[in-house]
């Protein structure tokens, strides 16, 4: 089957400014993110590709140390960023310390409170929370034509996607309680005939956080602005896992835009004198390519061949980009 090319998809939907590549770990999501960013930058679009994976490898792919350095220019129009979650967590800790000092007029954080702050920072969910918050910052700040998310492997990606709705629901409840408390405060102030009420700093901060989360999470489910592509390979387990994941993502209303098949062995190998092992691999691949064709039908946007070497450096990224968007 001849796929509808990614180039045509991007032309047909020019308002899709948030591009995401997802799938199991090790299938090529990061390289596809880099190649898509390269293609769009060459079209004259200002692009930021960023990784929300703590084990990110954009630095390796672009052959440039970008970890924790914010948006870094790779070439004209193309910027890349790897999020340093540990740095963000340390910033959280310092913000908490400062708020305690300011609120209670202390000169120093008590030892037992400092121990609690350190323990909270070690919680497994803290890293994901820090990454999520950094993504919110990136999106809210703006300044780019396209944002390309290199998502974490599927399990963590689902956690990341659900985090927005969990945070929103929790903050919604807290905000409601704070607003009720303000109503009681106003009644009490009227009885006391106080002239002014102190501004509710906690409520204002909660509303600010809620707005940031809503602005970021709404992107994930916006069919007009967002395109989500799954990456898979012609293997039974990968196909099955992708189907399950696509179903789960659909439950979060993430707009699925199609699939990219990676690591396809060249068909011309069949007529050559090749080892038996490779013949069996080609036969297996033929079978699963047919399965993919039947299962995903007209949703495949690129069949990407196994590259002759690792996709690192702009020369190989350009080659992969030409294959993906050709």
C-alpha atoms as a PDB file:
ATOM      1  CA  UNK A   1       0.000   0.000   0.000  1.00  0.00           C
ATOM      2  CA  UNK A   2       1.254   3.504  -0.843  1.00  0.00           C
ATOM      3  CA  UNK A   3       0.898   5.603   2.315  1.00  0.00           C
ATOM      4  CA  UNK A   4      -0.455   9.145   2.492  1.00  0.00           C
ATOM      5  CA  UNK A   5       2.833  10.964   2.984  1.00  0.00           C
ATOM      6  CA  UNK A   6       3.545  12.925   6.119  1.00  0.00           C
ATOM      7  CA  UNK A   7       4.331  15.967   3.968  1.00  0.00           C
ATOM      8  CA  UNK A   8       0.759  15.925   2.607  1.00  0.00           C
ATOM      9  CA  UNK A   9      -0.668  15.443   6.112  1.00  0.00           C
ATOM     10  CA  UNK A  10       1.204  18.538   7.299  1.00  0.00           C
ATOM     11  CA  UNK A  11      -0.009  20.480   4.255  1.00  0.00           C
ATOM     12  CA  UNK A  12      -3.631  19.395   4.780  1.00  0.00           C
ATOM     13  CA  UNK A  13      -3.615  20.362   8.466  1.00  0.00           C
ATOM     14  CA  UNK A  14      -1.543  23.558   8.789  1.00  0.00           C
ATOM     15  CA  UNK A  15      -3.070  24.395  12.193  1.00  0.00           C
ATOM     16  CA  UNK A  16      -1.574  21.328  13.861  1.00  0.00           C
ATOM     17  CA  UNK A  17       1.312  22.975  15.671  1.00  0.00           C
ATOM     18  CA  UNK A  18       1.820  20.342  18.390  1.00  0.00           C
ATOM     19  CA  UNK A  19       3.344  17.136  17.026  1.00  0.00           C
ATOM     20  CA  UNK A  20       3.865  14.038  19.174  1.00  0.00           C
ATOM     21  CA  UNK A  21       5.581  10.739  18.497  1.00  0.00           C
ATOM     22  CA  UNK A  22       4.774   7.852  20.826  1.00  0.00           C
ATOM     23  CA  UNK A  23       5.357   4.139  21.102  1.00  0.00           C
ATOM     24  CA  UNK A  24       7.342   1.557  23.015  1.00  0.00           C
ATOM     25  CA  UNK A  25      10.882   2.408  24.006  1.00  0.00           C
ATOM     26  CA  UNK A  26      13.616   1.883  21.420  1.00  0.00           C
ATOM     27  CA  UNK A  27      11.444   2.060  18.276  1.00  0.00           C
ATOM     28  CA  UNK A  28      12.743   5.370  16.961  1.00  0.00           C
ATOM     29  CA  UNK A  29      10.487   8.040  18.478  1.00  0.00           C
ATOM     30  CA  UNK A  30      13.370  10.399  19.232  1.00  0.00           C
ATOM     31  CA  UNK A  31      14.945  10.080  15.778  1.00  0.00           C
ATOM     32  CA  UNK A  32      11.548  10.689  14.142  1.00  0.00           C
ATOM     33  CA  UNK A  33      11.023  13.727  16.367  1.00  0.00           C
ATOM     34  CA  UNK A  34      14.402  15.096  15.273  1.00  0.00           C
ATOM     35  CA  UNK A  35      13.727  14.333  11.590  1.00  0.00           C
ATOM     36  CA  UNK A  36      10.274  15.970  11.682  1.00  0.00           C
ATOM     37  CA  UNK A  37      11.780  19.048  13.344  1.00  0.00           C
ATOM     38  CA  UNK A  38      14.475  19.162  10.651  1.00  0.00           C
ATOM     39  CA  UNK A  39      11.887  18.936   7.862  1.00  0.00           C
ATOM     40  CA  UNK A  40       9.712  21.718   9.289  1.00  0.00           C
ATOM     41  CA  UNK A  41      12.719  23.951   9.966  1.00  0.00           C
ATOM     42  CA  UNK A  42      13.746  23.531   6.322  1.00  0.00           C
ATOM     43  CA  UNK A  43      10.227  24.702   5.374  1.00  0.00           C
ATOM     44  CA  UNK A  44      10.995  27.981   7.132  1.00  0.00           C
ATOM     45  CA  UNK A  45       9.083  27.188  10.343  1.00  0.00           C
ATOM     46  CA  UNK A  46      10.527  27.944  13.767  1.00  0.00           C
ATOM     47  CA  UNK A  47      10.504  24.608  15.581  1.00  0.00           C
ATOM     48  CA  UNK A  48      11.222  23.414  19.111  1.00  0.00           C
ATOM     49  CA  UNK A  49      11.735  19.678  19.583  1.00  0.00           C
ATOM     50  CA  UNK A  50      11.914  18.664  23.225  1.00  0.00           C
ATOM     51  CA  UNK A  51      12.117  15.452  25.149  1.00  0.00           C
ATOM     52  CA  UNK A  52      10.000  14.576  28.153  1.00  0.00           C
ATOM     53  CA  UNK A  53      11.952  11.351  28.633  1.00  0.00           C
ATOM     54  CA  UNK A  54      14.416  11.400  31.589  1.00  0.00           C
ATOM     55  CA  UNK A  55      16.630   9.072  29.509  1.00  0.00           C
ATOM     56  CA  UNK A  56      16.497  11.445  26.547  1.00  0.00           C
ATOM     57  CA  UNK A  57      18.914  11.096  23.656  1.00  0.00           C
ATOM     58  CA  UNK A  58      18.383  14.260  21.613  1.00  0.00           C
ATOM     59  CA  UNK A  59      21.911  15.280  22.661  1.00  0.00           C
ATOM     60  CA  UNK A  60      23.244  12.087  21.045  1.00  0.00           C
ATOM     61  CA  UNK A  61      21.158  12.499  17.903  1.00  0.00           C
ATOM     62  CA  UNK A  62      22.109  16.122  17.311  1.00  0.00           C
ATOM     63  CA  UNK A  63      25.688  15.520  18.544  1.00  0.00           C
ATOM     64  CA  UNK A  64      25.370  18.497  20.848  1.00  0.00           C
ATOM     65  CA  UNK A  65      25.120  18.657  24.646  1.00  0.00           C
ATOM     66  CA  UNK A  66      21.727  20.275  25.252  1.00  0.00           C
ATOM     67  CA  UNK A  67      20.686  18.588  28.519  1.00  0.00           C
ATOM     68  CA  UNK A  68      19.282  21.068  31.005  1.00  0.00           C
ATOM     69  CA  UNK A  69      20.369  24.076  28.922  1.00  0.00           C
ATOM     70  CA  UNK A  70      16.952  25.244  27.763  1.00  0.00           C
ATOM     71  CA  UNK A  71      16.085  25.708  24.075  1.00  0.00           C
ATOM     72  CA  UNK A  72      19.355  25.334  22.125  1.00  0.00           C
ATOM     73  CA  UNK A  73      19.759  26.313  18.467  1.00  0.00           C
ATOM     74  CA  UNK A  74      20.802  23.347  16.337  1.00  0.00           C
ATOM     75  CA  UNK A  75      20.511  25.058  12.942  1.00  0.00           C
ATOM     76  CA  UNK A  76      18.473  27.990  11.571  1.00  0.00           C
ATOM     77  CA  UNK A  77      14.824  27.648  12.765  1.00  0.00           C
ATOM     78  CA  UNK A  78      15.514  24.436  14.702  1.00  0.00           C
ATOM     79  CA  UNK A  79      15.827  24.408  18.494  1.00  0.00           C
ATOM     80  CA  UNK A  80      16.083  21.400  20.805  1.00  0.00           C
ATOM     81  CA  UNK A  81      15.636  20.972  24.547  1.00  0.00           C
ATOM     82  CA  UNK A  82      16.166  18.170  27.044  1.00  0.00           C
ATOM     83  CA  UNK A  83      14.441  18.739  30.376  1.00  0.00           C
ATOM     84  CA  UNK A  84      16.526  18.420  33.537  1.00  0.00           C
ATOM     85  CA  UNK A  85      13.919  17.134  36.005  1.00  0.00           C
ATOM     86  CA  UNK A  86      16.375  17.080  38.942  1.00  0.00           C
ATOM     87  CA  UNK A  87      17.094  20.790  38.486  1.00  0.00           C
ATOM     88  CA  UNK A  88      13.361  21.507  38.426  1.00  0.00           C
ATOM     89  CA  UNK A  89      12.851  19.504  41.637  1.00  0.00           C
ATOM     90  CA  UNK A  90      15.613  21.507  43.346  1.00  0.00           C
ATOM     91  CA  UNK A  91      13.829  24.695  42.261  1.00  0.00           C
ATOM     92  CA  UNK A  92      10.610  23.353  43.838  1.00  0.00           C
ATOM     93  CA  UNK A  93      12.456  22.697  47.088  1.00  0.00           C
ATOM     94  CA  UNK A  94      13.874  26.210  47.210  1.00  0.00           C
ATOM     95  CA  UNK A  95      10.468  27.759  46.445  1.00  0.00           C
ATOM     96  CA  UNK A  96       8.919  25.784  49.320  1.00  0.00           C
ATOM     97  CA  UNK A  97      11.687  26.855  51.699  1.00  0.00           C
ATOM     98  CA  UNK A  98      11.282  30.511  50.735  1.00  0.00           C
ATOM     99  CA  UNK A  99       7.497  30.423  51.155  1.00  0.00           C
ATOM    100  CA  UNK A 100       7.851  28.908  54.639  1.00  0.00           C
ATOM    101  CA  UNK A 101      10.409  31.550  55.621  1.00  0.00           C
ATOM    102  CA  UNK A 102       8.229  34.373  54.278  1.00  0.00           C
ATOM    103  CA  UNK A 103       4.974  33.057  55.720  1.00  0.00           C
ATOM    104  CA  UNK A 104       6.246  32.446  59.239  1.00  0.00           C
ATOM    105  CA  UNK A 105       8.970  35.093  59.411  1.00  0.00           C
ATOM    106  CA  UNK A 106      11.665  32.508  60.111  1.00  0.00           C
ATOM    107  CA  UNK A 107      15.386  33.023  59.602  1.00  0.00           C
ATOM    108  CA  UNK A 108      16.026  29.346  59.053  1.00  0.00           C
ATOM    109  CA  UNK A 109      14.060  26.223  58.037  1.00  0.00           C
ATOM    110  CA  UNK A 110      13.572  23.881  61.033  1.00  0.00           C
ATOM    111  CA  UNK A 111      15.436  20.610  60.692  1.00  0.00           C
ATOM    112  CA  UNK A 112      12.307  18.417  60.741  1.00  0.00           C
ATOM    113  CA  UNK A 113      10.719  20.482  57.928  1.00  0.00           C
ATOM    114  CA  UNK A 114      13.917  20.319  55.875  1.00  0.00           C
ATOM    115  CA  UNK A 115      13.893  16.519  56.265  1.00  0.00           C
ATOM    116  CA  UNK A 116      10.315  16.433  54.971  1.00  0.00           C
ATOM    117  CA  UNK A 117      11.215  18.622  51.963  1.00  0.00           C
ATOM    118  CA  UNK A 118      14.121  16.316  51.104  1.00  0.00           C
ATOM    119  CA  UNK A 119      11.979  13.180  51.465  1.00  0.00           C
ATOM    120  CA  UNK A 120       9.179  14.589  49.293  1.00  0.00           C
ATOM    121  CA  UNK A 121      11.664  15.376  46.517  1.00  0.00           C
ATOM    122  CA  UNK A 122      12.702  11.702  46.434  1.00  0.00           C
ATOM    123  CA  UNK A 123       9.160  10.494  45.674  1.00  0.00           C
ATOM    124  CA  UNK A 124       9.004   8.650  42.296  1.00  0.00           C
ATOM    125  CA  UNK A 125       6.170  10.847  41.034  1.00  0.00           C
ATOM    126  CA  UNK A 126       8.148  14.037  41.682  1.00  0.00           C
ATOM    127  CA  UNK A 127      10.281  13.591  38.553  1.00  0.00           C
ATOM    128  CA  UNK A 128       7.215  13.184  36.328  1.00  0.00           C
ATOM    129  CA  UNK A 129       5.587  16.182  38.008  1.00  0.00           C
ATOM    130  CA  UNK A 130       8.694  18.277  37.376  1.00  0.00           C
ATOM    131  CA  UNK A 131       8.766  17.257  33.709  1.00  0.00           C
ATOM    132  CA  UNK A 132       5.068  17.971  33.324  1.00  0.00           C
ATOM    133  CA  UNK A 133       5.490  21.419  34.863  1.00  0.00           C
ATOM    134  CA  UNK A 134       8.406  22.210  32.547  1.00  0.00           C
ATOM    135  CA  UNK A 135       6.287  21.195  29.542  1.00  0.00           C
ATOM    136  CA  UNK A 136       3.555  23.553  30.746  1.00  0.00           C
ATOM    137  CA  UNK A 137       6.159  26.334  30.921  1.00  0.00           C
ATOM    138  CA  UNK A 138       7.369  25.605  27.385  1.00  0.00           C
ATOM    139  CA  UNK A 139       3.859  25.638  25.932  1.00  0.00           C
ATOM    140  CA  UNK A 140       2.617  28.699  27.837  1.00  0.00           C
ATOM    141  CA  UNK A 141       5.719  30.722  26.953  1.00  0.00           C
ATOM    142  CA  UNK A 142       5.119  30.339  23.180  1.00  0.00           C
ATOM    143  CA  UNK A 143       7.446  31.696  20.501  1.00  0.00           C
ATOM    144  CA  UNK A 144       7.532  28.762  18.057  1.00  0.00           C
ATOM    145  CA  UNK A 145       5.512  27.715  15.019  1.00  0.00           C
ATOM    146  CA  UNK A 146       5.765  24.021  15.902  1.00  0.00           C
ATOM    147  CA  UNK A 147       6.356  22.081  19.111  1.00  0.00           C
ATOM    148  CA  UNK A 148       7.487  18.479  18.701  1.00  0.00           C
ATOM    149  CA  UNK A 149       7.163  16.272  21.786  1.00  0.00           C
ATOM    150  CA  UNK A 150       9.469  13.291  22.058  1.00  0.00           C
ATOM    151  CA  UNK A 151       7.284  11.335  24.484  1.00  0.00           C
ATOM    152  CA  UNK A 152       8.402   8.832  27.088  1.00  0.00           C
ATOM    153  CA  UNK A 153       7.646   5.111  26.527  1.00  0.00           C
ATOM    154  CA  UNK A 154       3.943   4.243  26.529  1.00  0.00           C
ATOM    155  CA  UNK A 155       3.361   3.452  30.200  1.00  0.00           C
ATOM    156  CA  UNK A 156       4.879   6.710  31.364  1.00  0.00           C
ATOM    157  CA  UNK A 157       3.231   8.625  28.543  1.00  0.00           C
ATOM    158  CA  UNK A 158      -0.193   7.487  29.748  1.00  0.00           C
ATOM    159  CA  UNK A 159       0.739   8.629  33.248  1.00  0.00           C
ATOM    160  CA  UNK A 160       1.830  11.961  31.801  1.00  0.00           C
ATOM    161  CA  UNK A 161      -1.427  12.334  29.881  1.00  0.00           C
ATOM    162  CA  UNK A 162      -3.581  11.406  32.864  1.00  0.00           C
ATOM    163  CA  UNK A 163      -1.650  13.734  35.172  1.00  0.00           C
ATOM    164  CA  UNK A 164      -3.300  16.799  33.645  1.00  0.00           C
ATOM    165  CA  UNK A 165      -6.823  15.581  34.405  1.00  0.00           C
ATOM    166  CA  UNK A 166      -5.823  14.429  37.919  1.00  0.00           C
ATOM    167  CA  UNK A 167      -4.197  17.762  38.740  1.00  0.00           C
ATOM    168  CA  UNK A 168      -7.101  19.688  37.247  1.00  0.00           C
ATOM    169  CA  UNK A 169      -9.709  17.765  39.258  1.00  0.00           C
ATOM    170  CA  UNK A 170      -7.722  18.105  42.489  1.00  0.00           C
ATOM    171  CA  UNK A 171      -7.063  21.820  42.044  1.00  0.00           C
ATOM    172  CA  UNK A 172     -10.715  22.332  41.038  1.00  0.00           C
ATOM    173  CA  UNK A 173     -11.860  20.894  44.372  1.00  0.00           C
ATOM    174  CA  UNK A 174      -9.323  22.879  46.402  1.00  0.00           C
ATOM    175  CA  UNK A 175     -10.191  26.061  44.522  1.00  0.00           C
ATOM    176  CA  UNK A 176     -13.885  25.510  45.264  1.00  0.00           C
ATOM    177  CA  UNK A 177     -13.142  25.140  48.973  1.00  0.00           C
ATOM    178  CA  UNK A 178     -10.976  28.259  48.999  1.00  0.00           C
ATOM    179  CA  UNK A 179     -13.730  30.258  47.305  1.00  0.00           C
ATOM    180  CA  UNK A 180     -16.247  29.098  49.908  1.00  0.00           C
ATOM    181  CA  UNK A 181     -13.836  30.148  52.642  1.00  0.00           C
ATOM    182  CA  UNK A 182     -13.526  33.584  51.050  1.00  0.00           C
ATOM    183  CA  UNK A 183     -17.321  33.944  51.159  1.00  0.00           C
ATOM    184  CA  UNK A 184     -17.248  33.206  54.895  1.00  0.00           C
ATOM    185  CA  UNK A 185     -14.389  35.686  55.285  1.00  0.00           C
ATOM    186  CA  UNK A 186     -16.435  38.366  53.548  1.00  0.00           C
ATOM    187  CA  UNK A 187     -19.394  37.760  55.864  1.00  0.00           C
ATOM    188  CA  UNK A 188     -17.110  37.883  58.891  1.00  0.00           C
ATOM    189  CA  UNK A 189     -15.474  41.053  57.598  1.00  0.00           C
ATOM    190  CA  UNK A 190     -18.892  42.708  57.188  1.00  0.00           C
ATOM    191  CA  UNK A 191     -19.802  41.810  60.749  1.00  0.00           C
ATOM    192  CA  UNK A 192     -16.450  43.148  61.967  1.00  0.00           C
ATOM    193  CA  UNK A 193     -16.812  46.133  59.606  1.00  0.00           C
ATOM    194  CA  UNK A 194     -13.264  45.617  58.365  1.00  0.00           C
ATOM    195  CA  UNK A 195     -12.441  47.969  55.502  1.00  0.00           C
ATOM    196  CA  UNK A 196     -10.266  45.637  53.478  1.00  0.00           C
ATOM    197  CA  UNK A 197      -9.737  41.924  53.062  1.00  0.00           C
ATOM    198  CA  UNK A 198      -6.224  40.646  52.486  1.00  0.00           C
ATOM    199  CA  UNK A 199      -5.874  39.141  49.039  1.00  0.00           C
ATOM    200  CA  UNK A 200      -6.109  35.338  49.210  1.00  0.00           C
ATOM    201  CA  UNK A 201      -2.629  34.425  47.970  1.00  0.00           C
ATOM    202  CA  UNK A 202      -3.317  30.693  48.162  1.00  0.00           C
ATOM    203  CA  UNK A 203      -6.481  30.917  46.041  1.00  0.00           C
ATOM    204  CA  UNK A 204      -4.736  33.113  43.486  1.00  0.00           C
ATOM    205  CA  UNK A 205      -1.846  30.684  43.208  1.00  0.00           C
ATOM    206  CA  UNK A 206      -4.204  27.718  42.791  1.00  0.00           C
ATOM    207  CA  UNK A 207      -6.126  29.548  40.050  1.00  0.00           C
ATOM    208  CA  UNK A 208      -2.820  30.360  38.340  1.00  0.00           C
ATOM    209  CA  UNK A 209      -1.723  26.697  38.437  1.00  0.00           C
ATOM    210  CA  UNK A 210      -5.151  25.550  37.225  1.00  0.00           C
ATOM    211  CA  UNK A 211      -4.990  27.928  34.262  1.00  0.00           C
ATOM    212  CA  UNK A 212      -1.490  26.716  33.312  1.00  0.00           C
ATOM    213  CA  UNK A 213      -2.527  23.067  33.481  1.00  0.00           C
ATOM    214  CA  UNK A 214      -5.688  23.662  31.468  1.00  0.00           C
ATOM    215  CA  UNK A 215      -3.772  25.492  28.749  1.00  0.00           C
ATOM    216  CA  UNK A 216      -1.272  22.656  28.469  1.00  0.00           C
ATOM    217  CA  UNK A 217      -3.628  19.681  28.837  1.00  0.00           C
ATOM    218  CA  UNK A 218      -6.183  21.087  26.391  1.00  0.00           C
ATOM    219  CA  UNK A 219      -3.508  20.879  23.694  1.00  0.00           C
ATOM    220  CA  UNK A 220      -3.239  17.117  24.152  1.00  0.00           C
ATOM    221  CA  UNK A 221      -6.871  16.613  23.142  1.00  0.00           C
ATOM    222  CA  UNK A 222      -7.227  19.390  20.568  1.00  0.00           C
ATOM    223  CA  UNK A 223      -7.846  17.733  17.186  1.00  0.00           C
ATOM    224  CA  UNK A 224      -7.317  21.041  15.388  1.00  0.00           C
ATOM    225  CA  UNK A 225      -3.924  21.810  16.922  1.00  0.00           C
ATOM    226  CA  UNK A 226      -2.421  18.425  17.755  1.00  0.00           C
ATOM    227  CA  UNK A 227      -1.166  15.438  15.768  1.00  0.00           C
ATOM    228  CA  UNK A 228      -0.151  12.230  17.527  1.00  0.00           C
ATOM    229  CA  UNK A 229       1.748   9.542  15.582  1.00  0.00           C
ATOM    230  CA  UNK A 230       2.509   6.048  16.841  1.00  0.00           C
ATOM    231  CA  UNK A 231       5.797   4.438  15.849  1.00  0.00           C
ATOM    232  CA  UNK A 232       5.834   0.662  15.353  1.00  0.00           C
ATOM    233  CA  UNK A 233       7.904  -2.062  13.728  1.00  0.00           C
ATOM    234  CA  UNK A 234       6.768  -5.185  11.793  1.00  0.00           C
ATOM    235  CA  UNK A 235       6.794  -7.530  14.801  1.00  0.00           C
ATOM    236  CA  UNK A 236       3.871  -9.313  16.440  1.00  0.00           C
ATOM    237  CA  UNK A 237       4.422  -8.062  19.996  1.00  0.00           C
ATOM    238  CA  UNK A 238       4.939  -4.455  18.866  1.00  0.00           C
ATOM    239  CA  UNK A 239       1.770  -4.539  16.740  1.00  0.00           C
ATOM    240  CA  UNK A 240      -0.292  -5.927  19.639  1.00  0.00           C
ATOM    241  CA  UNK A 241       1.146  -3.430  22.137  1.00  0.00           C
ATOM    242  CA  UNK A 242       0.494  -0.558  19.728  1.00  0.00           C
ATOM    243  CA  UNK A 243      -3.145  -1.559  19.299  1.00  0.00           C
ATOM    244  CA  UNK A 244      -3.633  -1.677  23.073  1.00  0.00           C
ATOM    245  CA  UNK A 245      -1.871   1.653  23.540  1.00  0.00           C
ATOM    246  CA  UNK A 246      -3.870   3.323  20.764  1.00  0.00           C
ATOM    247  CA  UNK A 247      -7.060   2.200  22.488  1.00  0.00           C
ATOM    248  CA  UNK A 248      -5.878   3.612  25.829  1.00  0.00           C
ATOM    249  CA  UNK A 249      -4.817   6.911  24.260  1.00  0.00           C
ATOM    250  CA  UNK A 250      -8.201   7.190  22.560  1.00  0.00           C
ATOM    251  CA  UNK A 251      -9.835   6.964  26.000  1.00  0.00           C
ATOM    252  CA  UNK A 252      -7.916  10.120  26.937  1.00  0.00           C
ATOM    253  CA  UNK A 253      -9.288  11.725  23.743  1.00  0.00           C
ATOM    254  CA  UNK A 254      -5.807  12.121  22.288  1.00  0.00           C
ATOM    255  CA  UNK A 255      -6.264  12.707  18.529  1.00  0.00           C
ATOM    256  CA  UNK A 256      -4.523   9.805  16.774  1.00  0.00           C
ATOM    257  CA  UNK A 257      -3.245  11.012  13.407  1.00  0.00           C
ATOM    258  CA  UNK A 258      -1.634   7.858  12.086  1.00  0.00           C
ATOM    259  CA  UNK A 259       1.224   5.399  12.292  1.00  0.00           C
ATOM    260  CA  UNK A 260       4.811   5.234  11.054  1.00  0.00           C
ATOM    261  CA  UNK A 261       6.402   1.848  10.425  1.00  0.00           C
ATOM    262  CA  UNK A 262      10.113   1.806  11.177  1.00  0.00           C
ATOM    263  CA  UNK A 263      13.048  -0.536  10.449  1.00  0.00           C
ATOM    264  CA  UNK A 264      11.660  -2.133   7.288  1.00  0.00           C
ATOM    265  CA  UNK A 265      14.317  -4.326   5.665  1.00  0.00           C
ATOM    266  CA  UNK A 266      14.775  -3.495   1.938  1.00  0.00           C
ATOM    267  CA  UNK A 267      12.736  -5.809  -0.332  1.00  0.00           C
ATOM    268  CA  UNK A 268      15.604  -5.989  -2.865  1.00  0.00           C
ATOM    269  CA  UNK A 269      17.522  -8.182  -0.434  1.00  0.00           C
ATOM    270  CA  UNK A 270      15.291 -11.117  -1.416  1.00  0.00           C
ATOM    271  CA  UNK A 271      16.958 -11.678  -4.777  1.00  0.00           C
ATOM    272  CA  UNK A 272      20.449 -11.651  -3.349  1.00  0.00           C
ATOM    273  CA  UNK A 273      22.688 -14.270  -1.822  1.00  0.00           C
ATOM    274  CA  UNK A 274      21.936 -13.623   1.855  1.00  0.00           C
ATOM    275  CA  UNK A 275      22.232 -15.761   5.025  1.00  0.00           C
ATOM    276  CA  UNK A 276      19.329 -18.018   6.019  1.00  0.00           C
ATOM    277  CA  UNK A 277      18.775 -15.914   9.122  1.00  0.00           C
ATOM    278  CA  UNK A 278      18.123 -12.830   6.992  1.00  0.00           C
ATOM    279  CA  UNK A 279      15.798 -14.797   4.666  1.00  0.00           C
ATOM    280  CA  UNK A 280      13.702 -15.840   7.665  1.00  0.00           C
ATOM    281  CA  UNK A 281      13.641 -12.240   8.920  1.00  0.00           C
ATOM    282  CA  UNK A 282      12.408 -11.048   5.520  1.00  0.00           C
ATOM    283  CA  UNK A 283       9.691 -13.736   5.415  1.00  0.00           C
ATOM    284  CA  UNK A 284       8.557 -12.783   8.919  1.00  0.00           C
ATOM    285  CA  UNK A 285       8.604  -9.106   7.975  1.00  0.00           C
ATOM    286  CA  UNK A 286       6.472  -9.740   4.873  1.00  0.00           C
ATOM    287  CA  UNK A 287       3.869 -11.436   7.026  1.00  0.00           C
ATOM    288  CA  UNK A 288       3.699  -8.630   9.587  1.00  0.00           C
ATOM    289  CA  UNK A 289       3.753  -5.879   6.978  1.00  0.00           C
ATOM    290  CA  UNK A 290       0.596  -7.467   5.547  1.00  0.00           C
ATOM    291  CA  UNK A 291      -0.896  -7.601   9.051  1.00  0.00           C
ATOM    292  CA  UNK A 292      -0.074  -3.908   9.547  1.00  0.00           C
ATOM    293  CA  UNK A 293      -1.595  -3.098   6.155  1.00  0.00           C
ATOM    294  CA  UNK A 294      -4.819  -4.885   7.066  1.00  0.00           C
ATOM    295  CA  UNK A 295      -5.080  -3.686  10.674  1.00  0.00           C
ATOM    296  CA  UNK A 296      -4.137  -0.041  10.213  1.00  0.00           C
ATOM    297  CA  UNK A 297      -5.278   0.313   6.582  1.00  0.00           C
ATOM    298  CA  UNK A 298      -5.045   3.919   5.376  1.00  0.00           C
ATOM    299  CA  UNK A 299      -3.536   5.207   8.626  1.00  0.00           C
ATOM    300  CA  UNK A 300       0.097   4.428   7.707  1.00  0.00           C
ATOM    301  CA  UNK A 301       1.968   7.599   6.693  1.00  0.00           C
ATOM    302  CA  UNK A 302       5.482   6.260   6.167  1.00  0.00           C
ATOM    303  CA  UNK A 303       7.361   2.993   5.761  1.00  0.00           C
ATOM    304  CA  UNK A 304      10.869   3.793   6.960  1.00  0.00           C
ATOM    305  CA  UNK A 305      13.698   1.419   5.999  1.00  0.00           C
ATOM    306  CA  UNK A 306      16.357   0.114   8.347  1.00  0.00           C
ATOM    307  CA  UNK A 307      19.122   2.720   8.076  1.00  0.00           C
ATOM    308  CA  UNK A 308      22.662   1.622   7.284  1.00  0.00           C
ATOM    309  CA  UNK A 309      23.989   3.315  10.436  1.00  0.00           C
ATOM    310  CA  UNK A 310      22.807   5.161  13.545  1.00  0.00           C
ATOM    311  CA  UNK A 311      20.812   8.328  12.923  1.00  0.00           C
ATOM    312  CA  UNK A 312      23.123  10.882  14.532  1.00  0.00           C
ATOM    313  CA  UNK A 313      24.265  14.197  13.116  1.00  0.00           C
ATOM    314  CA  UNK A 314      22.447  16.442  10.655  1.00  0.00           C
ATOM    315  CA  UNK A 315      23.510  14.454   7.582  1.00  0.00           C
ATOM    316  CA  UNK A 316      21.743  11.286   8.757  1.00  0.00           C
ATOM    317  CA  UNK A 317      18.812  13.281  10.177  1.00  0.00           C
ATOM    318  CA  UNK A 318      18.356  14.855   6.734  1.00  0.00           C
ATOM    319  CA  UNK A 319      18.422  11.402   5.106  1.00  0.00           C
ATOM    320  CA  UNK A 320      15.796  10.084   7.528  1.00  0.00           C
ATOM    321  CA  UNK A 321      13.713  13.231   7.052  1.00  0.00           C
ATOM    322  CA  UNK A 322      13.725  12.790   3.272  1.00  0.00           C
ATOM    323  CA  UNK A 323      12.546   9.198   3.713  1.00  0.00           C
ATOM    324  CA  UNK A 324       9.793  10.108   6.157  1.00  0.00           C
ATOM    325  CA  UNK A 325       8.459  13.078   4.190  1.00  0.00           C
ATOM    326  CA  UNK A 326       9.336  11.991   0.645  1.00  0.00           C
END
